[in-house]
Amino acid sequence: MNWINNVVRPRIRSLLNKRETPENYWIKCPESGELVYYKDLEENQWVVPNSGHHMKVKAHDRLRLFLDDGVYDLLPSPRSRPTR
């Protein structure tokens, strides 16, 4: 058994063969178990149409939904003051 062929090469291949998430995937509602197309969830602001369950929303998406045209400026965070 060659550990390079059995261990190292498969790990390298798995790192190189990472694919982007396809745009045609389904998300399962944790409340009802229903499969919902993710584009439909985005259009419905991440609320499952039949069950009314509110899915988690990423911070970037939440800002885009709440703000006009999704336009906002990021402000630098203040530095913490040194303790004495």
C-alpha atoms as a PDB file:
ATOM      1  CA  MET A   1       0.000   0.000   0.000  1.00  0.00           C
ATOM      2  CA  ASN A   2       1.313   3.348  -1.002  1.00  0.00           C
ATOM      3  CA  TRP A   3       0.119   6.075   1.350  1.00  0.00           C
ATOM      4  CA  ILE A   4       0.758   8.806  -1.215  1.00  0.00           C
ATOM      5  CA  ASN A   5      -1.645   7.189  -3.687  1.00  0.00           C
ATOM      6  CA  ASN A   6      -4.182   6.201  -1.038  1.00  0.00           C
ATOM      7  CA  VAL A   7      -4.181   9.277   1.210  1.00  0.00           C
ATOM      8  CA  VAL A   8      -2.472  12.317  -0.250  1.00  0.00           C
ATOM      9  CA  ARG A   9      -3.734  12.255  -3.847  1.00  0.00           C
ATOM     10  CA  PRO A  10      -7.426  11.841  -2.958  1.00  0.00           C
ATOM     11  CA  ARG A  11      -7.183  14.777  -0.542  1.00  0.00           C
ATOM     12  CA  ILE A  12      -5.526  16.962  -3.155  1.00  0.00           C
ATOM     13  CA  ARG A  13      -8.137  15.965  -5.732  1.00  0.00           C
ATOM     14  CA  SER A  14     -10.951  16.744  -3.339  1.00  0.00           C
ATOM     15  CA  LEU A  15      -9.506  20.228  -2.749  1.00  0.00           C
ATOM     16  CA  LEU A  16      -9.091  20.908  -6.462  1.00  0.00           C
ATOM     17  CA  ASN A  17     -12.453  19.492  -7.531  1.00  0.00           C
ATOM     18  CA  LYS A  18     -14.604  21.684  -5.295  1.00  0.00           C
ATOM     19  CA  ARG A  19     -17.555  22.807  -7.329  1.00  0.00           C
ATOM     20  CA  GLU A  20     -19.667  25.876  -6.937  1.00  0.00           C
ATOM     21  CA  THR A  21     -23.129  25.218  -5.605  1.00  0.00           C
ATOM     22  CA  PRO A  22     -25.447  24.750  -8.576  1.00  0.00           C
ATOM     23  CA  GLU A  23     -28.272  27.209  -9.025  1.00  0.00           C
ATOM     24  CA  ASN A  24     -30.902  24.511  -9.227  1.00  0.00           C
ATOM     25  CA  TYR A  25     -30.951  23.071  -5.748  1.00  0.00           C
ATOM     26  CA  TRP A  26     -33.760  22.579  -3.309  1.00  0.00           C
ATOM     27  CA  ILE A  27     -34.002  23.463   0.381  1.00  0.00           C
ATOM     28  CA  LYS A  28     -35.962  21.362   2.851  1.00  0.00           C
ATOM     29  CA  CYS A  29     -38.284  23.182   5.242  1.00  0.00           C
ATOM     30  CA  PRO A  30     -37.398  22.125   8.808  1.00  0.00           C
ATOM     31  CA  GLU A  31     -40.987  22.544   9.960  1.00  0.00           C
ATOM     32  CA  SER A  32     -42.986  20.709   7.289  1.00  0.00           C
ATOM     33  CA  GLY A  33     -40.293  18.704   5.478  1.00  0.00           C
ATOM     34  CA  GLU A  34     -41.380  20.222   2.163  1.00  0.00           C
ATOM     35  CA  LEU A  35     -38.759  20.754  -0.549  1.00  0.00           C
ATOM     36  CA  VAL A  36     -38.718  24.324  -1.865  1.00  0.00           C
ATOM     37  CA  TYR A  37     -36.706  25.698  -4.759  1.00  0.00           C
ATOM     38  CA  TYR A  38     -34.246  28.248  -3.411  1.00  0.00           C
ATOM     39  CA  LYS A  39     -35.118  30.898  -6.047  1.00  0.00           C
ATOM     40  CA  ASP A  40     -38.725  30.752  -4.807  1.00  0.00           C
ATOM     41  CA  LEU A  41     -37.482  31.255  -1.242  1.00  0.00           C
ATOM     42  CA  GLU A  42     -35.432  34.287  -2.289  1.00  0.00           C
ATOM     43  CA  GLU A  43     -38.427  35.823  -4.062  1.00  0.00           C
ATOM     44  CA  ASN A  44     -40.584  35.186  -0.990  1.00  0.00           C
ATOM     45  CA  GLN A  45     -37.952  36.747   1.325  1.00  0.00           C
ATOM     46  CA  TRP A  46     -36.938  33.391   2.803  1.00  0.00           C
ATOM     47  CA  VAL A  47     -40.413  32.422   4.005  1.00  0.00           C
ATOM     48  CA  VAL A  48     -41.621  28.957   2.977  1.00  0.00           C
ATOM     49  CA  PRO A  49     -44.835  29.547   0.987  1.00  0.00           C
ATOM     50  CA  ASN A  50     -46.990  26.678   2.281  1.00  0.00           C
ATOM     51  CA  SER A  51     -45.897  26.434   5.916  1.00  0.00           C
ATOM     52  CA  GLY A  52     -45.019  30.088   6.589  1.00  0.00           C
ATOM     53  CA  HIS A  53     -41.743  29.052   8.259  1.00  0.00           C
ATOM     54  CA  HIS A  54     -39.134  31.833   8.300  1.00  0.00           C
ATOM     55  CA  MET A  55     -35.729  30.546   7.217  1.00  0.00           C
ATOM     56  CA  LYS A  56     -32.461  32.090   8.390  1.00  0.00           C
ATOM     57  CA  VAL A  57     -31.319  35.039   6.267  1.00  0.00           C
ATOM     58  CA  LYS A  58     -27.674  35.942   5.736  1.00  0.00           C
ATOM     59  CA  ALA A  59     -26.668  39.397   6.931  1.00  0.00           C
ATOM     60  CA  HIS A  60     -25.820  40.584   3.430  1.00  0.00           C
ATOM     61  CA  ASP A  61     -29.214  39.461   2.113  1.00  0.00           C
ATOM     62  CA  ARG A  62     -31.013  41.045   5.061  1.00  0.00           C
ATOM     63  CA  LEU A  63     -29.378  44.412   4.354  1.00  0.00           C
ATOM     64  CA  ARG A  64     -30.273  44.112   0.675  1.00  0.00           C
ATOM     65  CA  LEU A  65     -33.915  43.424   1.585  1.00  0.00           C
ATOM     66  CA  PHE A  66     -34.311  46.195   4.168  1.00  0.00           C
ATOM     67  CA  LEU A  67     -32.439  49.041   2.498  1.00  0.00           C
ATOM     68  CA  ASP A  68     -33.520  50.976  -0.579  1.00  0.00           C
ATOM     69  CA  ASP A  69     -32.091  49.319  -3.683  1.00  0.00           C
ATOM     70  CA  GLY A  70     -29.700  47.380  -1.420  1.00  0.00           C
ATOM     71  CA  VAL A  71     -27.250  50.306  -1.401  1.00  0.00           C
ATOM     72  CA  TYR A  72     -25.307  50.940   1.794  1.00  0.00           C
ATOM     73  CA  ASP A  73     -21.862  52.018   2.958  1.00  0.00           C
ATOM     74  CA  LEU A  74     -19.816  49.964   5.372  1.00  0.00           C
ATOM     75  CA  LEU A  75     -18.316  52.020   8.173  1.00  0.00           C
ATOM     76  CA  PRO A  76     -15.057  51.023   9.806  1.00  0.00           C
ATOM     77  CA  SER A  77     -15.486  49.646  13.298  1.00  0.00           C
ATOM     78  CA  PRO A  78     -14.006  51.767  16.077  1.00  0.00           C
ATOM     79  CA  ARG A  79     -10.845  50.459  17.592  1.00  0.00           C
ATOM     80  CA  SER A  80     -11.088  49.242  21.124  1.00  0.00           C
ATOM     81  CA  ARG A  81      -9.514  51.494  23.680  1.00  0.00           C
ATOM     82  CA  PRO A  82      -6.458  50.127  25.480  1.00  0.00           C
ATOM     83  CA  THR A  83      -7.017  49.198  29.091  1.00  0.00           C
ATOM     84  CA  ARG A  84      -4.860  50.783  31.773  1.00  0.00           C
END
